[in-house]
Amino acid sequence: MATAVVTGARGGIGSAVAAAFEEAGYTLHGVDVDDAFPELDRFDALVCAHGISGRRHGDGPVDECTDEGWDTVLDANLSSVFRYARLAIPALRRNGGGAVVTVASVLGLVGGDSDFATHAYAAAKAGVIGLTRAMAVHYAPDGIRCNVVAPGPIVTAMTADMPAEWQDQITNAVPLGRFGTPEECAAVVAFLCSDAAGYVTGALVPVDGGLGMGH
């Protein structure tokens, strides 16, 4: 039976990923940023789905973002991915391979908008993309596939916290004309961790209703 570790499994996209894995028969270990990495003899997949909103933590345009906000957002959204991957890679290598899927954001591709700028968040998510692709190249000989999902606006507590004006603006900008669901993201993550994606690594898969197409 396959085993997966999912970070951010208590809410939003991470919770939906955890549910999808349980339905697929995985033995699941859900953790959040402050939790210790589980002691496992082996496991097959790591999904880094945790993250925090920049707006609640002093994020904003570069000339308004505080040092504390920058450090907090980068640590939670990027550095923690590095730390979990550093713990997971040796175990995956011992197992003869496996999958790592990280959750970035369309903002890591398009940078965001001028009215509701969150530059630290955009930088962190762009960093997740770069880190994941660097790992994909380096660990391919070990049979470890590393891919990144880039959601657009998804119905989560994070987007619900945004102003109604922003939600309307984004809905109008999305070609499909709606926010996505955590379950739609989870389905893509589950595929990338499955044997059906055995020849897929270094890929960036948008789940954004077409918002970031061309990037």
N, C-alpha and C. Protein backbone atom coordinates (compact mmCIF):
# COMPACT_ATOMS: atom_id res chain seq x y z
N MET A 1 0.84 -1.20 0.00
CA MET A 1 0.00 0.00 0.00
C MET A 1 0.87 1.24 0.00
N ALA A 2 0.58 2.18 -0.88
CA ALA A 2 1.36 3.41 -0.99
C ALA A 2 1.10 4.31 0.22
N THR A 3 2.14 5.07 0.58
CA THR A 3 2.07 5.98 1.72
C THR A 3 2.40 7.39 1.26
N ALA A 4 1.63 8.36 1.74
CA ALA A 4 1.86 9.75 1.34
C ALA A 4 1.91 10.63 2.58
N VAL A 5 2.75 11.67 2.49
CA VAL A 5 2.79 12.74 3.49
C VAL A 5 2.26 13.99 2.81
N VAL A 6 1.25 14.61 3.41
CA VAL A 6 0.65 15.82 2.85
C VAL A 6 0.76 16.93 3.88
N THR A 7 1.43 18.02 3.52
CA THR A 7 1.49 19.16 4.42
C THR A 7 0.31 20.09 4.15
N GLY A 8 -0.15 20.76 5.20
CA GLY A 8 -1.33 21.60 5.06
C GLY A 8 -2.60 20.79 4.92
N ALA A 9 -2.61 19.59 5.51
CA ALA A 9 -3.71 18.66 5.28
C ALA A 9 -4.97 19.00 6.08
N ARG A 10 -4.92 20.04 6.89
CA ARG A 10 -6.08 20.34 7.73
C ARG A 10 -7.02 21.37 7.12
N GLY A 11 -6.71 21.87 5.94
CA GLY A 11 -7.60 22.87 5.36
C GLY A 11 -7.31 23.11 3.90
N GLY A 12 -8.28 23.69 3.21
CA GLY A 12 -8.09 24.13 1.83
C GLY A 12 -7.71 23.01 0.89
N ILE A 13 -6.75 23.30 0.03
CA ILE A 13 -6.32 22.33 -0.98
C ILE A 13 -5.72 21.09 -0.32
N GLY A 14 -4.95 21.28 0.74
CA GLY A 14 -4.33 20.15 1.41
C GLY A 14 -5.33 19.15 1.94
N SER A 15 -6.44 19.64 2.49
CA SER A 15 -7.48 18.75 3.00
C SER A 15 -8.10 17.94 1.87
N ALA A 16 -8.31 18.58 0.73
CA ALA A 16 -8.88 17.88 -0.42
C ALA A 16 -7.90 16.84 -0.96
N VAL A 17 -6.60 17.17 -0.97
CA VAL A 17 -5.58 16.20 -1.39
C VAL A 17 -5.59 14.99 -0.47
N ALA A 18 -5.64 15.26 0.84
CA ALA A 18 -5.66 14.15 1.80
C ALA A 18 -6.86 13.24 1.56
N ALA A 19 -8.02 13.83 1.30
CA ALA A 19 -9.22 13.03 1.04
C ALA A 19 -9.09 12.21 -0.24
N ALA A 20 -8.49 12.81 -1.27
CA ALA A 20 -8.30 12.09 -2.54
C ALA A 20 -7.35 10.91 -2.36
N PHE A 21 -6.30 11.10 -1.57
CA PHE A 21 -5.35 10.01 -1.34
C PHE A 21 -5.98 8.89 -0.53
N GLU A 22 -6.77 9.26 0.48
CA GLU A 22 -7.43 8.23 1.27
C GLU A 22 -8.39 7.42 0.40
N GLU A 23 -9.10 8.11 -0.49
CA GLU A 23 -10.02 7.42 -1.39
C GLU A 23 -9.27 6.48 -2.33
N ALA A 24 -8.05 6.87 -2.69
CA ALA A 24 -7.24 6.04 -3.59
C ALA A 24 -6.53 4.91 -2.86
N GLY A 25 -6.70 4.84 -1.54
CA GLY A 25 -6.13 3.73 -0.79
C GLY A 25 -4.77 3.97 -0.19
N TYR A 26 -4.29 5.22 -0.21
CA TYR A 26 -3.01 5.53 0.41
C TYR A 26 -3.11 5.45 1.93
N THR A 27 -2.01 5.09 2.57
CA THR A 27 -1.83 5.36 3.98
C THR A 27 -1.38 6.80 4.08
N LEU A 28 -2.13 7.62 4.80
CA LEU A 28 -1.92 9.07 4.76
C LEU A 28 -1.38 9.58 6.09
N HIS A 29 -0.41 10.48 5.97
CA HIS A 29 0.11 11.21 7.14
C HIS A 29 -0.01 12.69 6.82
N GLY A 30 -0.92 13.37 7.50
CA GLY A 30 -1.10 14.80 7.30
C GLY A 30 -0.35 15.60 8.33
N VAL A 31 0.37 16.62 7.90
CA VAL A 31 1.13 17.47 8.81
C VAL A 31 0.91 18.93 8.45
N ASP A 32 1.17 19.80 9.40
CA ASP A 32 1.17 21.23 9.15
C ASP A 32 2.55 21.78 9.48
N VAL A 33 2.75 23.08 9.22
CA VAL A 33 4.10 23.66 9.23
C VAL A 33 4.81 23.44 10.56
N ASP A 34 4.11 23.49 11.69
CA ASP A 34 4.78 23.33 13.00
C ASP A 34 4.92 21.89 13.44
N ASP A 35 4.38 20.94 12.65
CA ASP A 35 4.44 19.53 13.04
C ASP A 35 5.77 18.92 12.64
N ALA A 36 6.19 17.94 13.43
CA ALA A 36 7.40 17.19 13.08
C ALA A 36 7.11 16.27 11.91
N PHE A 37 8.12 16.05 11.08
CA PHE A 37 7.96 15.12 9.97
C PHE A 37 7.82 13.71 10.53
N PRO A 38 6.86 12.94 10.04
CA PRO A 38 6.63 11.60 10.62
C PRO A 38 7.81 10.66 10.38
N GLU A 39 8.05 9.81 11.37
CA GLU A 39 9.09 8.79 11.25
C GLU A 39 8.51 7.60 10.49
N LEU A 40 8.94 7.43 9.26
CA LEU A 40 8.39 6.38 8.41
C LEU A 40 9.51 5.53 7.84
N ASP A 41 9.28 4.24 7.82
CA ASP A 41 10.26 3.36 7.19
C ASP A 41 10.33 3.61 5.70
N ARG A 42 9.19 3.89 5.12
CA ARG A 42 9.16 4.20 3.70
C ARG A 42 7.91 5.01 3.40
N PHE A 43 7.97 5.78 2.35
CA PHE A 43 6.77 6.40 1.83
C PHE A 43 6.99 6.71 0.37
N ASP A 44 5.90 7.03 -0.33
CA ASP A 44 5.94 7.09 -1.77
C ASP A 44 5.71 8.47 -2.36
N ALA A 45 5.10 9.37 -1.57
CA ALA A 45 4.77 10.68 -2.12
C ALA A 45 4.78 11.74 -1.04
N LEU A 46 5.34 12.90 -1.38
CA LEU A 46 5.27 14.09 -0.54
C LEU A 46 4.51 15.15 -1.32
N VAL A 47 3.49 15.72 -0.69
CA VAL A 47 2.75 16.84 -1.28
C VAL A 47 2.85 18.02 -0.33
N CYS A 48 3.42 19.11 -0.81
CA CYS A 48 3.55 20.34 -0.02
C CYS A 48 2.43 21.29 -0.42
N ALA A 49 1.35 21.26 0.37
CA ALA A 49 0.16 22.03 0.02
C ALA A 49 -0.13 23.14 1.02
N HIS A 50 0.77 23.35 1.97
CA HIS A 50 0.54 24.38 2.98
C HIS A 50 0.86 25.77 2.42
N GLY A 51 0.38 26.79 3.10
CA GLY A 51 0.69 28.16 2.70
C GLY A 51 -0.12 29.13 3.54
N ILE A 52 0.31 30.38 3.54
CA ILE A 52 -0.42 31.42 4.26
C ILE A 52 -0.65 32.60 3.32
N SER A 53 -1.67 33.35 3.63
CA SER A 53 -1.99 34.55 2.86
C SER A 53 -1.02 35.67 3.22
N GLY A 54 -0.55 36.38 2.21
CA GLY A 54 0.34 37.49 2.47
C GLY A 54 -0.33 38.67 3.15
N ARG A 55 -1.58 38.92 2.82
CA ARG A 55 -2.26 40.12 3.29
C ARG A 55 -2.41 40.15 4.80
N ARG A 56 -2.47 39.02 5.43
CA ARG A 56 -2.62 38.97 6.88
C ARG A 56 -1.30 39.14 7.62
N HIS A 57 -0.20 39.16 6.90
CA HIS A 57 1.10 39.11 7.55
C HIS A 57 2.05 40.22 7.08
N GLY A 58 1.51 41.37 6.77
CA GLY A 58 2.36 42.51 6.44
C GLY A 58 2.87 42.53 5.02
N ASP A 59 2.29 41.70 4.15
CA ASP A 59 2.70 41.67 2.75
C ASP A 59 2.04 42.84 2.01
N GLY A 60 2.56 43.13 0.83
CA GLY A 60 2.03 44.19 0.00
C GLY A 60 3.02 44.52 -1.08
N PRO A 61 2.91 45.68 -1.71
CA PRO A 61 3.93 46.11 -2.67
C PRO A 61 5.29 46.22 -1.98
N VAL A 62 6.36 46.14 -2.73
CA VAL A 62 7.70 46.16 -2.16
C VAL A 62 7.92 47.37 -1.25
N ASP A 63 7.39 48.53 -1.64
CA ASP A 63 7.64 49.72 -0.84
C ASP A 63 6.74 49.81 0.39
N GLU A 64 5.86 48.83 0.57
CA GLU A 64 5.00 48.80 1.74
C GLU A 64 5.18 47.54 2.58
N CYS A 65 5.74 46.50 2.01
CA CYS A 65 5.93 45.23 2.71
C CYS A 65 6.97 45.39 3.82
N THR A 66 6.65 44.92 5.00
CA THR A 66 7.58 45.01 6.12
C THR A 66 8.60 43.88 6.06
N ASP A 67 9.72 44.06 6.74
CA ASP A 67 10.70 42.98 6.84
C ASP A 67 10.08 41.75 7.49
N GLU A 68 9.31 41.98 8.54
CA GLU A 68 8.67 40.87 9.23
C GLU A 68 7.69 40.16 8.31
N GLY A 69 6.91 40.92 7.54
CA GLY A 69 5.97 40.32 6.61
C GLY A 69 6.67 39.51 5.55
N TRP A 70 7.73 40.08 4.99
CA TRP A 70 8.51 39.36 3.97
C TRP A 70 9.04 38.03 4.51
N ASP A 71 9.67 38.09 5.69
CA ASP A 71 10.27 36.89 6.27
C ASP A 71 9.21 35.85 6.61
N THR A 72 8.08 36.28 7.15
CA THR A 72 7.02 35.35 7.53
C THR A 72 6.43 34.65 6.32
N VAL A 73 6.14 35.42 5.28
CA VAL A 73 5.51 34.84 4.09
C VAL A 73 6.48 33.93 3.34
N LEU A 74 7.74 34.35 3.22
CA LEU A 74 8.73 33.51 2.53
C LEU A 74 8.99 32.22 3.30
N ASP A 75 9.03 32.33 4.64
CA ASP A 75 9.30 31.14 5.44
C ASP A 75 8.17 30.12 5.33
N ALA A 76 6.93 30.60 5.42
CA ALA A 76 5.79 29.68 5.41
C ALA A 76 5.53 29.10 4.03
N ASN A 77 5.75 29.87 2.98
CA ASN A 77 5.37 29.44 1.64
C ASN A 77 6.50 28.87 0.80
N LEU A 78 7.75 29.16 1.16
CA LEU A 78 8.88 28.67 0.37
C LEU A 78 9.87 27.88 1.20
N SER A 79 10.38 28.48 2.27
CA SER A 79 11.42 27.81 3.05
C SER A 79 10.91 26.51 3.65
N SER A 80 9.65 26.47 4.04
CA SER A 80 9.10 25.24 4.60
C SER A 80 9.04 24.13 3.56
N VAL A 81 8.82 24.47 2.31
CA VAL A 81 8.86 23.46 1.25
C VAL A 81 10.25 22.85 1.14
N PHE A 82 11.26 23.71 1.19
CA PHE A 82 12.64 23.24 1.19
C PHE A 82 12.90 22.29 2.36
N ARG A 83 12.43 22.67 3.54
CA ARG A 83 12.71 21.86 4.73
C ARG A 83 12.03 20.50 4.65
N TYR A 84 10.77 20.47 4.23
CA TYR A 84 10.09 19.18 4.10
C TYR A 84 10.72 18.32 3.01
N ALA A 85 11.10 18.93 1.90
CA ALA A 85 11.74 18.16 0.84
C ALA A 85 13.08 17.61 1.30
N ARG A 86 13.81 18.39 2.07
CA ARG A 86 15.12 17.93 2.58
C ARG A 86 14.94 16.70 3.45
N LEU A 87 13.85 16.63 4.22
CA LEU A 87 13.59 15.46 5.04
C LEU A 87 13.09 14.27 4.22
N ALA A 88 12.33 14.57 3.17
CA ALA A 88 11.69 13.51 2.41
C ALA A 88 12.61 12.84 1.39
N ILE A 89 13.47 13.62 0.77
CA ILE A 89 14.27 13.09 -0.35
C ILE A 89 15.09 11.87 0.04
N PRO A 90 15.81 11.86 1.18
CA PRO A 90 16.60 10.66 1.52
C PRO A 90 15.74 9.41 1.64
N ALA A 91 14.54 9.55 2.24
CA ALA A 91 13.66 8.38 2.38
C ALA A 91 13.15 7.92 1.02
N LEU A 92 12.78 8.86 0.15
CA LEU A 92 12.35 8.48 -1.19
C LEU A 92 13.48 7.81 -1.96
N ARG A 93 14.68 8.30 -1.78
CA ARG A 93 15.82 7.69 -2.46
C ARG A 93 16.04 6.26 -1.97
N ARG A 94 15.92 6.05 -0.66
CA ARG A 94 16.07 4.70 -0.11
C ARG A 94 15.00 3.77 -0.65
N ASN A 95 13.82 4.32 -0.91
CA ASN A 95 12.72 3.51 -1.43
C ASN A 95 12.86 3.18 -2.90
N GLY A 96 13.84 3.79 -3.55
CA GLY A 96 14.00 3.58 -4.98
C GLY A 96 13.22 4.54 -5.84
N GLY A 97 12.71 5.61 -5.23
CA GLY A 97 12.00 6.63 -5.99
C GLY A 97 10.66 6.98 -5.37
N GLY A 98 9.96 7.89 -6.03
CA GLY A 98 8.67 8.35 -5.54
C GLY A 98 8.32 9.67 -6.18
N ALA A 99 7.38 10.36 -5.58
CA ALA A 99 6.89 11.61 -6.17
C ALA A 99 6.88 12.73 -5.13
N VAL A 100 7.25 13.92 -5.59
CA VAL A 100 7.10 15.14 -4.82
C VAL A 100 6.23 16.09 -5.65
N VAL A 101 5.16 16.60 -5.06
CA VAL A 101 4.33 17.59 -5.72
C VAL A 101 4.23 18.80 -4.80
N THR A 102 4.54 19.96 -5.34
CA THR A 102 4.42 21.19 -4.59
C THR A 102 3.25 22.01 -5.14
N VAL A 103 2.68 22.83 -4.29
CA VAL A 103 1.56 23.69 -4.70
C VAL A 103 2.04 25.13 -4.70
N ALA A 104 2.14 25.70 -5.89
CA ALA A 104 2.57 27.10 -6.03
C ALA A 104 1.33 27.96 -6.22
N SER A 105 1.32 28.83 -7.20
CA SER A 105 0.18 29.71 -7.46
C SER A 105 0.36 30.36 -8.81
N VAL A 106 -0.75 30.71 -9.42
CA VAL A 106 -0.67 31.49 -10.65
C VAL A 106 0.06 32.80 -10.41
N LEU A 107 0.04 33.31 -9.16
CA LEU A 107 0.75 34.56 -8.87
C LEU A 107 2.26 34.40 -9.00
N GLY A 108 2.75 33.18 -8.87
CA GLY A 108 4.17 32.94 -9.09
C GLY A 108 4.56 33.03 -10.54
N LEU A 109 3.55 33.09 -11.43
CA LEU A 109 3.78 33.20 -12.87
C LEU A 109 3.49 34.59 -13.40
N VAL A 110 2.38 35.16 -12.95
CA VAL A 110 1.94 36.44 -13.53
C VAL A 110 2.20 37.62 -12.60
N GLY A 111 2.59 37.36 -11.34
CA GLY A 111 2.97 38.44 -10.45
C GLY A 111 1.86 39.09 -9.67
N GLY A 112 0.62 38.89 -10.07
CA GLY A 112 -0.49 39.47 -9.32
C GLY A 112 -1.06 40.69 -10.03
N ASP A 113 -1.76 41.51 -9.28
CA ASP A 113 -2.37 42.70 -9.87
C ASP A 113 -1.99 43.92 -9.04
N SER A 114 -2.23 45.09 -9.57
CA SER A 114 -1.78 46.32 -8.94
C SER A 114 -2.64 46.74 -7.76
N ASP A 115 -3.91 46.32 -7.75
CA ASP A 115 -4.82 46.78 -6.70
C ASP A 115 -4.65 46.01 -5.39
N PHE A 116 -4.30 44.73 -5.48
CA PHE A 116 -4.19 43.90 -4.28
C PHE A 116 -2.83 43.17 -4.30
N ALA A 117 -1.78 43.95 -4.36
CA ALA A 117 -0.44 43.40 -4.54
C ALA A 117 0.02 42.66 -3.29
N THR A 118 0.59 41.49 -3.49
CA THR A 118 1.23 40.71 -2.43
C THR A 118 2.56 40.20 -2.97
N HIS A 119 3.56 41.07 -2.93
CA HIS A 119 4.82 40.77 -3.61
C HIS A 119 5.61 39.65 -2.94
N ALA A 120 5.55 39.56 -1.63
CA ALA A 120 6.25 38.47 -0.95
C ALA A 120 5.62 37.13 -1.31
N TYR A 121 4.30 37.07 -1.36
CA TYR A 121 3.61 35.83 -1.72
C TYR A 121 3.95 35.42 -3.14
N ALA A 122 3.92 36.38 -4.07
CA ALA A 122 4.26 36.07 -5.46
C ALA A 122 5.70 35.57 -5.57
N ALA A 123 6.60 36.21 -4.84
CA ALA A 123 8.01 35.79 -4.87
C ALA A 123 8.17 34.39 -4.31
N ALA A 124 7.47 34.11 -3.21
CA ALA A 124 7.57 32.79 -2.60
C ALA A 124 7.08 31.70 -3.55
N LYS A 125 5.95 31.94 -4.20
CA LYS A 125 5.39 30.93 -5.08
C LYS A 125 6.23 30.76 -6.35
N ALA A 126 6.83 31.84 -6.84
CA ALA A 126 7.77 31.70 -7.95
C ALA A 126 8.98 30.87 -7.51
N GLY A 127 9.40 31.06 -6.27
CA GLY A 127 10.50 30.27 -5.73
C GLY A 127 10.16 28.80 -5.62
N VAL A 128 8.92 28.49 -5.28
CA VAL A 128 8.49 27.10 -5.22
C VAL A 128 8.62 26.44 -6.59
N ILE A 129 8.25 27.17 -7.61
CA ILE A 129 8.37 26.64 -8.98
C ILE A 129 9.82 26.36 -9.32
N GLY A 130 10.69 27.32 -9.05
CA GLY A 130 12.12 27.13 -9.35
C GLY A 130 12.73 26.01 -8.55
N LEU A 131 12.40 25.93 -7.27
CA LEU A 131 12.93 24.87 -6.42
C LEU A 131 12.48 23.50 -6.91
N THR A 132 11.21 23.38 -7.25
CA THR A 132 10.68 22.09 -7.68
C THR A 132 11.34 21.63 -8.97
N ARG A 133 11.54 22.54 -9.89
CA ARG A 133 12.17 22.15 -11.16
C ARG A 133 13.64 21.82 -10.97
N ALA A 134 14.31 22.52 -10.06
CA ALA A 134 15.70 22.18 -9.77
C ALA A 134 15.79 20.77 -9.17
N MET A 135 14.87 20.45 -8.28
CA MET A 135 14.85 19.11 -7.70
C MET A 135 14.53 18.06 -8.76
N ALA A 136 13.64 18.40 -9.69
CA ALA A 136 13.28 17.45 -10.74
C ALA A 136 14.50 17.02 -11.55
N VAL A 137 15.34 17.98 -11.87
CA VAL A 137 16.55 17.68 -12.64
C VAL A 137 17.52 16.85 -11.82
N HIS A 138 17.73 17.28 -10.58
CA HIS A 138 18.78 16.67 -9.76
C HIS A 138 18.43 15.26 -9.31
N TYR A 139 17.17 15.02 -8.98
CA TYR A 139 16.81 13.74 -8.39
C TYR A 139 16.18 12.76 -9.37
N ALA A 140 16.11 13.12 -10.63
CA ALA A 140 15.57 12.19 -11.63
C ALA A 140 16.35 10.87 -11.67
N PRO A 141 17.70 10.89 -11.56
CA PRO A 141 18.41 9.61 -11.58
C PRO A 141 18.06 8.70 -10.40
N ASP A 142 17.50 9.28 -9.34
CA ASP A 142 17.08 8.48 -8.19
C ASP A 142 15.65 7.97 -8.32
N GLY A 143 15.02 8.27 -9.45
CA GLY A 143 13.65 7.83 -9.65
C GLY A 143 12.63 8.68 -8.91
N ILE A 144 13.03 9.90 -8.52
CA ILE A 144 12.14 10.80 -7.80
C ILE A 144 11.61 11.85 -8.78
N ARG A 145 10.31 11.83 -8.98
CA ARG A 145 9.67 12.79 -9.87
C ARG A 145 9.16 13.99 -9.07
N CYS A 146 9.46 15.19 -9.54
CA CYS A 146 9.07 16.41 -8.84
C CYS A 146 8.28 17.32 -9.79
N ASN A 147 7.06 17.61 -9.42
CA ASN A 147 6.19 18.44 -10.25
C ASN A 147 5.50 19.49 -9.39
N VAL A 148 5.00 20.52 -10.05
CA VAL A 148 4.37 21.63 -9.32
C VAL A 148 3.02 21.95 -9.94
N VAL A 149 2.05 22.15 -9.06
CA VAL A 149 0.71 22.57 -9.47
C VAL A 149 0.57 24.05 -9.15
N ALA A 150 0.04 24.81 -10.09
CA ALA A 150 -0.13 26.26 -9.91
C ALA A 150 -1.61 26.61 -9.94
N PRO A 151 -2.27 26.59 -8.78
CA PRO A 151 -3.69 26.95 -8.76
C PRO A 151 -3.91 28.43 -9.05
N GLY A 152 -5.05 28.71 -9.61
CA GLY A 152 -5.53 30.07 -9.69
C GLY A 152 -6.43 30.34 -8.50
N PRO A 153 -7.47 31.15 -8.66
CA PRO A 153 -8.37 31.41 -7.54
C PRO A 153 -9.18 30.16 -7.20
N ILE A 154 -9.03 29.70 -5.96
CA ILE A 154 -9.69 28.50 -5.49
C ILE A 154 -10.54 28.87 -4.28
N VAL A 155 -11.67 28.23 -4.13
CA VAL A 155 -12.56 28.50 -3.01
C VAL A 155 -11.96 27.91 -1.73
N THR A 156 -11.25 28.74 -0.98
CA THR A 156 -10.65 28.34 0.29
C THR A 156 -10.83 29.47 1.28
N ALA A 157 -10.42 29.23 2.53
CA ALA A 157 -10.48 30.28 3.55
C ALA A 157 -9.60 31.46 3.16
N MET A 158 -8.50 31.19 2.44
CA MET A 158 -7.58 32.25 2.05
C MET A 158 -8.25 33.22 1.08
N THR A 159 -8.94 32.70 0.08
CA THR A 159 -9.61 33.59 -0.88
C THR A 159 -10.87 34.21 -0.28
N ALA A 160 -11.52 33.50 0.63
CA ALA A 160 -12.70 34.06 1.28
C ALA A 160 -12.35 35.28 2.12
N ASP A 161 -11.09 35.35 2.54
CA ASP A 161 -10.63 36.46 3.36
C ASP A 161 -10.38 37.73 2.54
N MET A 162 -10.36 37.58 1.22
CA MET A 162 -10.09 38.72 0.36
C MET A 162 -11.35 39.57 0.17
N PRO A 163 -11.17 40.87 -0.14
CA PRO A 163 -12.33 41.75 -0.33
C PRO A 163 -13.24 41.28 -1.47
N ALA A 164 -14.52 41.56 -1.33
CA ALA A 164 -15.49 41.17 -2.36
C ALA A 164 -15.13 41.79 -3.70
N GLU A 165 -14.60 43.00 -3.68
CA GLU A 165 -14.19 43.67 -4.93
C GLU A 165 -13.14 42.84 -5.65
N TRP A 166 -12.18 42.31 -4.89
CA TRP A 166 -11.12 41.48 -5.49
C TRP A 166 -11.72 40.20 -6.05
N GLN A 167 -12.62 39.58 -5.31
CA GLN A 167 -13.22 38.33 -5.77
C GLN A 167 -13.98 38.53 -7.08
N ASP A 168 -14.71 39.64 -7.17
CA ASP A 168 -15.43 39.92 -8.42
C ASP A 168 -14.46 40.19 -9.57
N GLN A 169 -13.40 40.92 -9.27
CA GLN A 169 -12.41 41.26 -10.30
C GLN A 169 -11.74 40.01 -10.85
N ILE A 170 -11.38 39.09 -9.96
CA ILE A 170 -10.72 37.86 -10.39
C ILE A 170 -11.69 36.96 -11.15
N THR A 171 -12.91 36.85 -10.67
CA THR A 171 -13.90 36.03 -11.38
C THR A 171 -14.07 36.50 -12.82
N ASN A 172 -14.11 37.79 -13.00
CA ASN A 172 -14.26 38.34 -14.35
C ASN A 172 -13.03 38.11 -15.21
N ALA A 173 -11.86 37.99 -14.57
CA ALA A 173 -10.62 37.80 -15.32
C ALA A 173 -10.39 36.35 -15.73
N VAL A 174 -11.02 35.41 -15.04
CA VAL A 174 -10.82 33.99 -15.33
C VAL A 174 -11.65 33.60 -16.56
N PRO A 175 -11.02 33.04 -17.60
CA PRO A 175 -11.79 32.66 -18.79
C PRO A 175 -12.96 31.73 -18.50
N LEU A 176 -12.81 30.82 -17.55
CA LEU A 176 -13.92 29.93 -17.22
C LEU A 176 -14.97 30.60 -16.35
N GLY A 177 -14.69 31.81 -15.87
CA GLY A 177 -15.69 32.61 -15.21
C GLY A 177 -16.08 32.19 -13.81
N ARG A 178 -15.21 31.47 -13.11
CA ARG A 178 -15.52 31.05 -11.75
C ARG A 178 -14.24 30.71 -11.00
N PHE A 179 -14.37 30.61 -9.69
CA PHE A 179 -13.28 30.08 -8.86
C PHE A 179 -13.27 28.56 -8.99
N GLY A 180 -12.10 27.97 -8.84
CA GLY A 180 -11.99 26.53 -8.83
C GLY A 180 -12.27 25.97 -7.45
N THR A 181 -12.28 24.65 -7.35
CA THR A 181 -12.50 23.99 -6.06
C THR A 181 -11.23 23.27 -5.61
N PRO A 182 -11.07 23.08 -4.31
CA PRO A 182 -9.93 22.30 -3.83
C PRO A 182 -9.89 20.90 -4.43
N GLU A 183 -11.06 20.33 -4.66
CA GLU A 183 -11.12 18.97 -5.22
C GLU A 183 -10.56 18.92 -6.64
N GLU A 184 -10.74 19.99 -7.40
CA GLU A 184 -10.18 20.03 -8.75
C GLU A 184 -8.66 20.06 -8.71
N CYS A 185 -8.11 20.78 -7.75
CA CYS A 185 -6.65 20.78 -7.56
C CYS A 185 -6.17 19.41 -7.09
N ALA A 186 -6.90 18.83 -6.16
CA ALA A 186 -6.50 17.54 -5.59
C ALA A 186 -6.45 16.45 -6.65
N ALA A 187 -7.36 16.49 -7.61
CA ALA A 187 -7.37 15.48 -8.66
C ALA A 187 -6.10 15.53 -9.49
N VAL A 188 -5.61 16.74 -9.75
CA VAL A 188 -4.36 16.89 -10.51
C VAL A 188 -3.17 16.41 -9.69
N VAL A 189 -3.15 16.77 -8.41
CA VAL A 189 -2.07 16.32 -7.53
C VAL A 189 -2.04 14.80 -7.46
N ALA A 190 -3.19 14.19 -7.28
CA ALA A 190 -3.25 12.72 -7.20
C ALA A 190 -2.74 12.07 -8.47
N PHE A 191 -3.09 12.64 -9.61
CA PHE A 191 -2.58 12.11 -10.88
C PHE A 191 -1.05 12.18 -10.92
N LEU A 192 -0.49 13.32 -10.53
CA LEU A 192 0.96 13.49 -10.61
C LEU A 192 1.72 12.54 -9.68
N CYS A 193 1.05 12.08 -8.64
CA CYS A 193 1.68 11.12 -7.73
C CYS A 193 1.45 9.68 -8.15
N SER A 194 0.63 9.46 -9.14
CA SER A 194 0.25 8.10 -9.52
C SER A 194 1.20 7.52 -10.56
N ASP A 195 1.09 6.21 -10.75
CA ASP A 195 1.90 5.53 -11.76
C ASP A 195 1.56 6.02 -13.16
N ALA A 196 0.35 6.55 -13.35
CA ALA A 196 -0.04 7.05 -14.66
C ALA A 196 0.81 8.24 -15.10
N ALA A 197 1.43 8.92 -14.13
CA ALA A 197 2.30 10.05 -14.43
C ALA A 197 3.77 9.67 -14.32
N GLY A 198 4.05 8.41 -14.55
CA GLY A 198 5.41 7.90 -14.36
C GLY A 198 6.47 8.54 -15.25
N TYR A 199 6.06 9.18 -16.35
CA TYR A 199 7.02 9.82 -17.25
C TYR A 199 6.88 11.34 -17.19
N VAL A 200 6.32 11.84 -16.09
CA VAL A 200 6.11 13.28 -15.93
C VAL A 200 6.97 13.78 -14.78
N THR A 201 7.91 14.65 -15.07
CA THR A 201 8.69 15.30 -14.01
C THR A 201 9.12 16.67 -14.50
N GLY A 202 9.25 17.60 -13.56
CA GLY A 202 9.60 18.97 -13.91
C GLY A 202 8.47 19.76 -14.53
N ALA A 203 7.26 19.20 -14.47
CA ALA A 203 6.10 19.86 -15.11
C ALA A 203 5.48 20.88 -14.17
N LEU A 204 4.95 21.94 -14.78
CA LEU A 204 4.13 22.90 -14.06
C LEU A 204 2.72 22.80 -14.64
N VAL A 205 1.79 22.37 -13.80
CA VAL A 205 0.42 22.15 -14.26
C VAL A 205 -0.49 23.24 -13.68
N PRO A 206 -1.02 24.11 -14.52
CA PRO A 206 -1.93 25.14 -14.01
C PRO A 206 -3.32 24.56 -13.75
N VAL A 207 -3.90 24.98 -12.65
CA VAL A 207 -5.30 24.66 -12.35
C VAL A 207 -5.95 26.00 -12.03
N ASP A 208 -6.17 26.77 -13.06
CA ASP A 208 -6.49 28.20 -12.86
C ASP A 208 -7.59 28.73 -13.74
N GLY A 209 -8.35 27.84 -14.37
CA GLY A 209 -9.44 28.30 -15.22
C GLY A 209 -9.00 29.10 -16.43
N GLY A 210 -7.70 29.02 -16.77
CA GLY A 210 -7.17 29.75 -17.91
C GLY A 210 -6.59 31.12 -17.57
N LEU A 211 -6.58 31.47 -16.27
CA LEU A 211 -6.12 32.81 -15.87
C LEU A 211 -4.67 33.08 -16.27
N GLY A 212 -3.82 32.06 -16.15
CA GLY A 212 -2.40 32.29 -16.42
C GLY A 212 -1.93 31.75 -17.75
N MET A 213 -2.85 31.47 -18.67
CA MET A 213 -2.42 30.83 -19.93
C MET A 213 -1.40 31.71 -20.65
N GLY A 214 -0.46 31.02 -21.27
CA GLY A 214 0.62 31.75 -21.93
C GLY A 214 1.83 31.94 -21.05
N HIS A 215 1.72 31.52 -19.79
CA HIS A 215 2.84 31.61 -18.87
C HIS A 215 3.33 30.23 -18.46
